[in-house]
PDB file of N, CA and C in Angstrom:
ATOM      1  N   UNK A   1     -25.813 -62.475 -23.140  1.00  0.00           N
ATOM      2  CA  UNK A   1     -24.957 -62.660 -24.351  1.00  0.00           C
ATOM      3  C   UNK A   1     -24.299 -64.047 -24.316  1.00  0.00           C
ATOM      4  N   UNK A   2     -24.296 -64.687 -25.454  1.00  0.00           N
ATOM      5  CA  UNK A   2     -23.693 -66.001 -25.580  1.00  0.00           C
ATOM      6  C   UNK A   2     -22.161 -65.768 -25.899  1.00  0.00           C
ATOM      7  N   UNK A   3     -21.410 -66.499 -25.541  1.00  0.00           N
ATOM      8  CA  UNK A   3     -19.999 -66.423 -25.743  1.00  0.00           C
ATOM      9  C   UNK A   3     -19.733 -67.124 -27.002  1.00  0.00           C
ATOM     10  N   UNK A   4     -18.933 -66.491 -27.916  1.00  0.00           N
ATOM     11  CA  UNK A   4     -18.561 -67.225 -29.185  1.00  0.00           C
ATOM     12  C   UNK A   4     -17.063 -67.400 -29.208  1.00  0.00           C
ATOM     13  N   UNK A   5     -16.468 -68.421 -29.658  1.00  0.00           N
ATOM     14  CA  UNK A   5     -15.072 -68.554 -29.500  1.00  0.00           C
ATOM     15  C   UNK A   5     -14.636 -69.047 -30.913  1.00  0.00           C
ATOM     16  N   UNK A   6     -13.620 -68.582 -31.349  1.00  0.00           N
ATOM     17  CA  UNK A   6     -13.108 -69.043 -32.702  1.00  0.00           C
ATOM     18  C   UNK A   6     -11.561 -68.872 -32.628  1.00  0.00           C
ATOM     19  N   UNK A   7     -10.933 -69.593 -33.539  1.00  0.00           N
ATOM     20  CA  UNK A   7      -9.408 -69.677 -33.608  1.00  0.00           C
ATOM     21  C   UNK A   7      -8.919 -68.777 -34.768  1.00  0.00           C
ATOM     22  N   UNK A   8      -7.901 -67.889 -34.538  1.00  0.00           N
ATOM     23  CA  UNK A   8      -7.334 -67.036 -35.562  1.00  0.00           C
ATOM     24  C   UNK A   8      -5.747 -67.249 -35.489  1.00  0.00           C
ATOM     25  N   UNK A   9      -5.158 -66.638 -36.418  1.00  0.00           N
ATOM     26  CA  UNK A   9      -3.652 -66.612 -36.436  1.00  0.00           C
ATOM     27  C   UNK A   9      -3.260 -65.240 -36.421  1.00  0.00           C
ATOM     28  N   UNK A  10      -2.281 -64.913 -35.684  1.00  0.00           N
ATOM     29  CA  UNK A  10      -1.689 -63.662 -35.681  1.00  0.00           C
ATOM     30  C   UNK A  10      -0.577 -63.604 -36.812  1.00  0.00           C
ATOM     31  N   UNK A  11      -0.860 -62.649 -37.750  1.00  0.00           N
ATOM     32  CA  UNK A  11       0.025 -62.548 -38.802  1.00  0.00           C
ATOM     33  C   UNK A  11       1.198 -61.672 -38.672  1.00  0.00           C
ATOM     34  N   UNK A  12       1.930 -61.300 -39.575  1.00  0.00           N
ATOM     35  CA  UNK A  12       3.123 -60.265 -39.610  1.00  0.00           C
ATOM     36  C   UNK A  12       2.730 -58.989 -39.085  1.00  0.00           C
ATOM     37  N   UNK A  13       3.503 -58.358 -38.242  1.00  0.00           N
ATOM     38  CA  UNK A  13       3.252 -57.079 -37.686  1.00  0.00           C
ATOM     39  C   UNK A  13       1.983 -57.067 -36.681  1.00  0.00           C
ATOM     40  N   UNK A  14       1.688 -58.268 -36.139  1.00  0.00           N
ATOM     41  CA  UNK A  14       0.772 -58.515 -35.190  1.00  0.00           C
ATOM     42  C   UNK A  14      -0.695 -58.276 -35.793  1.00  0.00           C
ATOM     43  N   UNK A  15      -0.990 -58.437 -37.032  1.00  0.00           N
ATOM     44  CA  UNK A  15      -2.291 -58.369 -37.525  1.00  0.00           C
ATOM     45  C   UNK A  15      -3.170 -59.613 -37.133  1.00  0.00           C
ATOM     46  N   UNK A  16      -4.423 -59.386 -36.682  1.00  0.00           N
ATOM     47  CA  UNK A  16      -5.126 -60.401 -36.242  1.00  0.00           C
ATOM     48  C   UNK A  16      -6.528 -60.157 -36.971  1.00  0.00           C
ATOM     49  N   UNK A  17      -6.970 -61.173 -37.631  1.00  0.00           N
ATOM     50  CA  UNK A  17      -8.242 -61.236 -38.443  1.00  0.00           C
ATOM     51  C   UNK A  17      -9.375 -61.644 -37.532  1.00  0.00           C
ATOM     52  N   UNK A  18     -10.272 -60.910 -37.320  1.00  0.00           N
ATOM     53  CA  UNK A  18     -11.403 -61.356 -36.389  1.00  0.00           C
ATOM     54  C   UNK A  18     -12.406 -62.198 -37.193  1.00  0.00           C
ATOM     55  N   UNK A  19     -12.567 -63.488 -36.761  1.00  0.00           N
ATOM     56  CA  UNK A  19     -13.372 -64.376 -37.673  1.00  0.00           C
ATOM     57  C   UNK A  19     -14.848 -63.762 -37.949  1.00  0.00           C
ATOM     58  N   UNK A  20     -15.233 -64.226 -39.170  1.00  0.00           N
ATOM     59  CA  UNK A  20     -16.702 -63.810 -39.565  1.00  0.00           C
ATOM     60  C   UNK A  20     -17.717 -64.222 -38.654  1.00  0.00           C
ATOM     61  N   UNK A  21     -17.607 -65.438 -38.054  1.00  0.00           N
ATOM     62  CA  UNK A  21     -18.549 -65.756 -36.937  1.00  0.00           C
ATOM     63  C   UNK A  21     -18.723 -64.859 -35.834  1.00  0.00           C
ATOM     64  N   UNK A  22     -17.779 -64.008 -35.557  1.00  0.00           N
ATOM     65  CA  UNK A  22     -17.757 -62.868 -34.417  1.00  0.00           C
ATOM     66  C   UNK A  22     -18.092 -61.591 -35.001  1.00  0.00           C
ATOM     67  N   UNK A  23     -17.399 -61.238 -36.183  1.00  0.00           N
ATOM     68  CA  UNK A  23     -17.749 -60.071 -36.870  1.00  0.00           C
ATOM     69  C   UNK A  23     -19.383 -59.927 -37.152  1.00  0.00           C
ATOM     70  N   UNK A  24     -19.838 -61.008 -37.687  1.00  0.00           N
ATOM     71  CA  UNK A  24     -21.210 -60.968 -38.089  1.00  0.00           C
ATOM     72  C   UNK A  24     -22.214 -60.672 -36.982  1.00  0.00           C
ATOM     73  N   UNK A  25     -21.869 -60.956 -35.724  1.00  0.00           N
ATOM     74  CA  UNK A  25     -22.716 -60.906 -34.598  1.00  0.00           C
ATOM     75  C   UNK A  25     -22.462 -59.592 -33.639  1.00  0.00           C
ATOM     76  N   UNK A  26     -21.549 -58.740 -34.230  1.00  0.00           N
ATOM     77  CA  UNK A  26     -21.108 -57.682 -33.331  1.00  0.00           C
ATOM     78  C   UNK A  26     -21.152 -56.382 -34.349  1.00  0.00           C
ATOM     79  N   UNK A  27     -21.951 -55.499 -33.964  1.00  0.00           N
ATOM     80  CA  UNK A  27     -22.173 -54.359 -34.762  1.00  0.00           C
ATOM     81  C   UNK A  27     -21.044 -53.285 -34.837  1.00  0.00           C
ATOM     82  N   UNK A  28     -20.327 -53.198 -33.812  1.00  0.00           N
ATOM     83  CA  UNK A  28     -19.200 -52.170 -33.752  1.00  0.00           C
ATOM     84  C   UNK A  28     -17.913 -52.633 -34.371  1.00  0.00           C
ATOM     85  N   UNK A  29     -17.926 -53.802 -34.940  1.00  0.00           N
ATOM     86  CA  UNK A  29     -16.658 -54.353 -35.557  1.00  0.00           C
ATOM     87  C   UNK A  29     -16.932 -53.955 -36.986  1.00  0.00           C
ATOM     88  N   UNK A  30     -16.199 -52.992 -37.645  1.00  0.00           N
ATOM     89  CA  UNK A  30     -16.298 -52.585 -39.006  1.00  0.00           C
ATOM     90  C   UNK A  30     -14.883 -52.113 -39.414  1.00  0.00           C
ATOM     91  N   UNK A  31     -14.623 -52.251 -40.658  1.00  0.00           N
ATOM     92  CA  UNK A  31     -13.339 -51.621 -41.254  1.00  0.00           C
ATOM     93  C   UNK A  31     -13.199 -50.233 -40.663  1.00  0.00           C
ATOM     94  N   UNK A  32     -12.143 -49.793 -40.091  1.00  0.00           N
ATOM     95  CA  UNK A  32     -11.854 -48.456 -39.766  1.00  0.00           C
ATOM     96  C   UNK A  32     -12.428 -48.179 -38.360  1.00  0.00           C
ATOM     97  N   UNK A  33     -12.914 -49.144 -37.630  1.00  0.00           N
ATOM     98  CA  UNK A  33     -13.323 -48.965 -36.295  1.00  0.00           C
ATOM     99  C   UNK A  33     -12.197 -48.757 -35.378  1.00  0.00           C
ATOM    100  N   UNK A  34     -12.287 -47.869 -34.416  1.00  0.00           N
ATOM    101  CA  UNK A  34     -11.310 -47.641 -33.416  1.00  0.00           C
ATOM    102  C   UNK A  34     -11.706 -48.565 -32.279  1.00  0.00           C
ATOM    103  N   UNK A  35     -10.590 -49.349 -31.749  1.00  0.00           N
ATOM    104  CA  UNK A  35     -10.917 -50.341 -30.570  1.00  0.00           C
ATOM    105  C   UNK A  35      -9.709 -50.187 -29.592  1.00  0.00           C
ATOM    106  N   UNK A  36      -9.999 -50.666 -28.471  1.00  0.00           N
ATOM    107  CA  UNK A  36      -9.088 -50.642 -27.368  1.00  0.00           C
ATOM    108  C   UNK A  36      -8.663 -52.008 -27.137  1.00  0.00           C
ATOM    109  N   UNK A  37      -7.370 -52.282 -27.164  1.00  0.00           N
ATOM    110  CA  UNK A  37      -6.834 -53.622 -26.937  1.00  0.00           C
ATOM    111  C   UNK A  37      -6.145 -53.573 -25.565  1.00  0.00           C
ATOM    112  N   UNK A  38      -6.529 -54.456 -24.658  1.00  0.00           N
ATOM    113  CA  UNK A  38      -5.945 -54.525 -23.300  1.00  0.00           C
ATOM    114  C   UNK A  38      -5.496 -55.954 -22.892  1.00  0.00           C
ATOM    115  N   UNK A  39      -4.437 -55.991 -22.432  1.00  0.00           N
ATOM    116  CA  UNK A  39      -3.992 -57.203 -21.783  1.00  0.00           C
ATOM    117  C   UNK A  39      -4.402 -57.343 -20.321  1.00  0.00           C
ATOM    118  N   UNK A  40      -5.428 -58.133 -20.080  1.00  0.00           N
ATOM    119  CA  UNK A  40      -6.011 -58.096 -18.638  1.00  0.00           C
ATOM    120  C   UNK A  40      -5.282 -59.170 -17.788  1.00  0.00           C
ATOM    121  N   UNK A  41      -4.818 -60.238 -18.412  1.00  0.00           N
ATOM    122  CA  UNK A  41      -3.951 -61.226 -17.741  1.00  0.00           C
ATOM    123  C   UNK A  41      -2.832 -61.683 -18.588  1.00  0.00           C
ATOM    124  N   UNK A  42      -1.734 -62.444 -18.075  1.00  0.00           N
ATOM    125  CA  UNK A  42      -0.656 -62.815 -18.944  1.00  0.00           C
ATOM    126  C   UNK A  42      -1.150 -63.672 -20.155  1.00  0.00           C
ATOM    127  N   UNK A  43      -2.225 -64.246 -20.013  1.00  0.00           N
ATOM    128  CA  UNK A  43      -2.649 -65.144 -21.227  1.00  0.00           C
ATOM    129  C   UNK A  43      -4.092 -64.636 -21.806  1.00  0.00           C
ATOM    130  N   UNK A  44      -4.415 -63.385 -21.516  1.00  0.00           N
ATOM    131  CA  UNK A  44      -5.705 -62.988 -21.988  1.00  0.00           C
ATOM    132  C   UNK A  44      -5.777 -61.578 -22.522  1.00  0.00           C
ATOM    133  N   UNK A  45      -6.207 -61.282 -23.710  1.00  0.00           N
ATOM    134  CA  UNK A  45      -6.222 -59.930 -24.313  1.00  0.00           C
ATOM    135  C   UNK A  45      -7.822 -59.686 -24.554  1.00  0.00           C
ATOM    136  N   UNK A  46      -8.236 -58.531 -24.395  1.00  0.00           N
ATOM    137  CA  UNK A  46      -9.640 -58.147 -24.558  1.00  0.00           C
ATOM    138  C   UNK A  46      -9.659 -56.967 -25.671  1.00  0.00           C
ATOM    139  N   UNK A  47     -10.544 -57.165 -26.521  1.00  0.00           N
ATOM    140  CA  UNK A  47     -10.794 -56.068 -27.513  1.00  0.00           C
ATOM    141  C   UNK A  47     -12.160 -55.422 -27.248  1.00  0.00           C
ATOM    142  N   UNK A  48     -12.148 -54.086 -27.096  1.00  0.00           N
ATOM    143  CA  UNK A  48     -13.441 -53.378 -26.871  1.00  0.00           C
ATOM    144  C   UNK A  48     -13.525 -52.151 -27.816  1.00  0.00           C
ATOM    145  N   UNK A  49     -14.873 -51.736 -27.998  1.00  0.00           N
ATOM    146  CA  UNK A  49     -14.960 -50.654 -28.889  1.00  0.00           C
ATOM    147  C   UNK A  49     -14.449 -49.359 -28.141  1.00  0.00           C
ATOM    148  N   UNK A  50     -13.945 -48.500 -28.963  1.00  0.00           N
ATOM    149  CA  UNK A  50     -13.338 -47.157 -28.338  1.00  0.00           C
ATOM    150  C   UNK A  50     -14.408 -46.236 -28.536  1.00  0.00           C
ATOM    151  N   UNK A  51     -15.066 -45.731 -27.380  1.00  0.00           N
ATOM    152  CA  UNK A  51     -16.242 -44.942 -27.424  1.00  0.00           C
ATOM    153  C   UNK A  51     -15.876 -43.417 -27.387  1.00  0.00           C
ATOM    154  N   UNK A  52     -14.715 -43.098 -26.835  1.00  0.00           N
ATOM    155  CA  UNK A  52     -14.320 -41.727 -26.728  1.00  0.00           C
ATOM    156  C   UNK A  52     -15.148 -40.796 -26.067  1.00  0.00           C
ATOM    157  N   UNK A  53     -14.824 -39.629 -25.912  1.00  0.00           N
ATOM    158  CA  UNK A  53     -15.664 -38.655 -25.367  1.00  0.00           C
ATOM    159  C   UNK A  53     -16.868 -38.208 -26.327  1.00  0.00           C
ATOM    160  N   UNK A  54     -18.116 -38.148 -25.735  1.00  0.00           N
ATOM    161  CA  UNK A  54     -19.208 -37.683 -26.566  1.00  0.00           C
ATOM    162  C   UNK A  54     -18.963 -36.223 -26.944  1.00  0.00           C
ATOM    163  N   UNK A  55     -19.183 -35.965 -28.192  1.00  0.00           N
ATOM    164  CA  UNK A  55     -18.917 -34.450 -28.575  1.00  0.00           C
ATOM    165  C   UNK A  55     -20.384 -33.789 -28.433  1.00  0.00           C
ATOM    166  N   UNK A  56     -20.084 -32.583 -27.894  1.00  0.00           N
ATOM    167  CA  UNK A  56     -21.338 -31.728 -27.690  1.00  0.00           C
ATOM    168  C   UNK A  56     -21.224 -30.583 -28.678  1.00  0.00           C
ATOM    169  N   UNK A  57     -22.153 -30.491 -29.591  1.00  0.00           N
ATOM    170  CA  UNK A  57     -21.941 -29.436 -30.765  1.00  0.00           C
ATOM    171  C   UNK A  57     -22.727 -28.244 -30.304  1.00  0.00           C
ATOM    172  N   UNK A  58     -22.069 -27.109 -30.418  1.00  0.00           N
ATOM    173  CA  UNK A  58     -22.729 -25.804 -30.103  1.00  0.00           C
ATOM    174  C   UNK A  58     -23.392 -25.323 -31.368  1.00  0.00           C
ATOM    175  N   UNK A  59     -24.626 -25.719 -31.766  1.00  0.00           N
ATOM    176  CA  UNK A  59     -25.191 -25.445 -33.052  1.00  0.00           C
ATOM    177  C   UNK A  59     -25.395 -23.997 -33.299  1.00  0.00           C
ATOM    178  N   UNK A  60     -25.721 -23.273 -32.208  1.00  0.00           N
ATOM    179  CA  UNK A  60     -25.720 -21.751 -32.434  1.00  0.00           C
ATOM    180  C   UNK A  60     -24.326 -21.173 -33.054  1.00  0.00           C
ATOM    181  N   UNK A  61     -23.310 -21.597 -32.325  1.00  0.00           N
ATOM    182  CA  UNK A  61     -21.997 -21.022 -32.757  1.00  0.00           C
ATOM    183  C   UNK A  61     -21.579 -21.488 -34.341  1.00  0.00           C
ATOM    184  N   UNK A  62     -22.037 -22.826 -34.465  1.00  0.00           N
ATOM    185  CA  UNK A  62     -21.694 -23.427 -35.899  1.00  0.00           C
ATOM    186  C   UNK A  62     -22.536 -22.692 -36.857  1.00  0.00           C
ATOM    187  N   UNK A  63     -23.728 -22.364 -36.776  1.00  0.00           N
ATOM    188  CA  UNK A  63     -24.600 -21.683 -37.659  1.00  0.00           C
ATOM    189  C   UNK A  63     -24.123 -20.189 -37.840  1.00  0.00           C
ATOM    190  N   UNK A  64     -23.637 -19.634 -36.728  1.00  0.00           N
ATOM    191  CA  UNK A  64     -23.080 -18.192 -36.743  1.00  0.00           C
ATOM    192  C   UNK A  64     -21.828 -18.219 -37.764  1.00  0.00           C
ATOM    193  N   UNK A  65     -21.177 -19.223 -37.583  1.00  0.00           N
ATOM    194  CA  UNK A  65     -19.775 -19.280 -38.283  1.00  0.00           C
ATOM    195  C   UNK A  65     -20.037 -19.519 -39.906  1.00  0.00           C
ATOM    196  N   UNK A  66     -21.101 -20.326 -40.051  1.00  0.00           N
ATOM    197  CA  UNK A  66     -21.450 -20.566 -41.487  1.00  0.00           C
ATOM    198  C   UNK A  66     -22.081 -19.274 -42.010  1.00  0.00           C
ATOM    199  N   UNK A  67     -22.873 -18.631 -41.351  1.00  0.00           N
ATOM    200  CA  UNK A  67     -23.478 -17.433 -41.912  1.00  0.00           C
ATOM    201  C   UNK A  67     -22.275 -16.281 -42.107  1.00  0.00           C
ATOM    202  N   UNK A  68     -21.396 -16.307 -41.235  1.00  0.00           N
ATOM    203  CA  UNK A  68     -20.334 -15.360 -41.259  1.00  0.00           C
ATOM    204  C   UNK A  68     -19.422 -15.590 -42.524  1.00  0.00           C
ATOM    205  N   UNK A  69     -19.240 -16.895 -42.777  1.00  0.00           N
ATOM    206  CA  UNK A  69     -18.300 -17.280 -43.908  1.00  0.00           C
ATOM    207  C   UNK A  69     -19.125 -16.889 -45.281  1.00  0.00           C
ATOM    208  N   UNK A  70     -20.347 -17.108 -45.256  1.00  0.00           N
ATOM    209  CA  UNK A  70     -21.182 -16.886 -46.442  1.00  0.00           C
ATOM    210  C   UNK A  70     -21.376 -15.294 -46.695  1.00  0.00           C
ATOM    211  N   UNK A  71     -21.212 -14.586 -45.678  1.00  0.00           N
ATOM    212  CA  UNK A  71     -21.321 -13.163 -45.807  1.00  0.00           C
ATOM    213  C   UNK A  71     -20.226 -12.309 -46.566  1.00  0.00           C
ATOM    214  N   UNK A  72     -19.127 -13.104 -46.436  1.00  0.00           N
ATOM    215  CA  UNK A  72     -17.818 -12.393 -47.014  1.00  0.00           C
ATOM    216  C   UNK A  72     -17.948 -12.338 -48.626  1.00  0.00           C
ATOM    217  N   UNK A  73     -17.728 -11.318 -49.096  1.00  0.00           N
ATOM    218  CA  UNK A  73     -17.885 -11.103 -50.643  1.00  0.00           C
ATOM    219  C   UNK A  73     -16.573 -11.077 -51.103  1.00  0.00           C
ATOM    220  N   UNK A  74     -16.271 -11.725 -52.151  1.00  0.00           N
ATOM    221  CA  UNK A  74     -14.944 -11.760 -52.922  1.00  0.00           C
ATOM    222  C   UNK A  74     -14.823 -10.869 -53.986  1.00  0.00           C
ATOM    223  N   UNK A  75     -13.740 -10.668 -54.442  1.00  0.00           N
ATOM    224  CA  UNK A  75     -13.460  -9.818 -55.693  1.00  0.00           C
ATOM    225  C   UNK A  75     -13.881 -10.421 -56.948  1.00  0.00           C
ATOM    226  N   UNK A  76     -13.971 -11.741 -57.114  1.00  0.00           N
ATOM    227  CA  UNK A  76     -14.215 -12.498 -58.155  1.00  0.00           C
ATOM    228  C   UNK A  76     -15.662 -12.277 -58.628  1.00  0.00           C
ATOM    229  N   UNK A  77     -16.001 -12.061 -59.856  1.00  0.00           N
ATOM    230  CA  UNK A  77     -17.333 -11.930 -60.348  1.00  0.00           C
ATOM    231  C   UNK A  77     -17.405 -12.946 -61.349  1.00  0.00           C
ATOM    232  N   UNK A  78     -18.083 -14.017 -61.358  1.00  0.00           N
ATOM    233  CA  UNK A  78     -18.278 -15.083 -62.324  1.00  0.00           C
ATOM    234  C   UNK A  78     -18.647 -16.417 -61.669  1.00  0.00           C
ATOM    235  N   UNK A  79     -18.465 -17.540 -62.393  1.00  0.00           N
ATOM    236  CA  UNK A  79     -18.702 -18.784 -62.116  1.00  0.00           C
ATOM    237  C   UNK A  79     -17.640 -19.255 -61.178  1.00  0.00           C
ATOM    238  N   UNK A  80     -17.758 -19.716 -59.890  1.00  0.00           N
ATOM    239  CA  UNK A  80     -16.804 -20.216 -59.059  1.00  0.00           C
ATOM    240  C   UNK A  80     -16.269 -21.636 -59.592  1.00  0.00           C
ATOM    241  N   UNK A  81     -17.193 -22.423 -60.172  1.00  0.00           N
ATOM    242  CA  UNK A  81     -16.642 -23.801 -60.690  1.00  0.00           C
ATOM    243  C   UNK A  81     -15.743 -23.537 -61.926  1.00  0.00           C
ATOM    244  N   UNK A  82     -16.070 -22.533 -62.741  1.00  0.00           N
ATOM    245  CA  UNK A  82     -15.190 -22.201 -63.723  1.00  0.00           C
ATOM    246  C   UNK A  82     -13.778 -21.733 -63.233  1.00  0.00           C
ATOM    247  N   UNK A  83     -13.846 -20.879 -62.198  1.00  0.00           N
ATOM    248  CA  UNK A  83     -12.612 -20.434 -61.635  1.00  0.00           C
ATOM    249  C   UNK A  83     -11.708 -21.516 -61.101  1.00  0.00           C
ATOM    250  N   UNK A  84     -12.353 -22.566 -60.251  1.00  0.00           N
ATOM    251  CA  UNK A  84     -11.702 -23.536 -59.787  1.00  0.00           C
ATOM    252  C   UNK A  84     -11.077 -24.457 -60.871  1.00  0.00           C
ATOM    253  N   UNK A  85     -11.792 -24.729 -61.976  1.00  0.00           N
ATOM    254  CA  UNK A  85     -11.294 -25.541 -63.033  1.00  0.00           C
ATOM    255  C   UNK A  85     -10.229 -24.789 -63.824  1.00  0.00           C
ATOM    256  N   UNK A  86     -10.267 -23.613 -64.046  1.00  0.00           N
ATOM    257  CA  UNK A  86      -9.048 -22.729 -64.539  1.00  0.00           C
ATOM    258  C   UNK A  86      -7.940 -22.861 -63.689  1.00  0.00           C
ATOM    259  N   UNK A  87      -8.148 -22.756 -62.337  1.00  0.00           N
ATOM    260  CA  UNK A  87      -7.060 -22.600 -61.359  1.00  0.00           C
ATOM    261  C   UNK A  87      -6.282 -24.065 -61.362  1.00  0.00           C
ATOM    262  N   UNK A  88      -7.045 -25.147 -61.451  1.00  0.00           N
ATOM    263  CA  UNK A  88      -6.442 -26.449 -61.389  1.00  0.00           C
ATOM    264  C   UNK A  88      -5.664 -26.623 -62.825  1.00  0.00           C
ATOM    265  N   UNK A  89      -6.273 -26.239 -63.814  1.00  0.00           N
ATOM    266  CA  UNK A  89      -5.469 -26.342 -65.080  1.00  0.00           C
ATOM    267  C   UNK A  89      -4.211 -25.649 -64.991  1.00  0.00           C
ATOM    268  N   UNK A  90      -4.129 -24.399 -64.481  1.00  0.00           N
ATOM    269  CA  UNK A  90      -2.981 -23.558 -64.477  1.00  0.00           C
ATOM    270  C   UNK A  90      -1.822 -24.176 -63.527  1.00  0.00           C
ATOM    271  N   UNK A  91      -2.222 -25.074 -62.640  1.00  0.00           N
ATOM    272  CA  UNK A  91      -1.263 -25.680 -61.688  1.00  0.00           C
ATOM    273  C   UNK A  91      -0.618 -27.020 -62.231  1.00  0.00           C
ATOM    274  N   UNK A  92      -1.018 -27.389 -63.369  1.00  0.00           N
ATOM    275  CA  UNK A  92      -0.518 -28.656 -64.039  1.00  0.00           C
ATOM    276  C   UNK A  92       0.781 -28.407 -64.630  1.00  0.00           C
TER     277      UNK A  92
END
């Protein structure tokens, strides 16, 4: 990997804009991305992607819960979208 260096200015409240020359070459830098900011030396800060713990999905449990929620019958007989629209109108 080639090192790319650019100059930025730290704005109010510590905001730092990562230059386009770096953002364009790095896929994990996107609006809303979680990152880890670490001070590794007195004059050096490193920004890395936050990977977090990989989530393991129990698909069997998920599908059982979906089927269970779909199996409950309500007292309302009619159009659900009409009920929601009327409910929203009554709360205004």
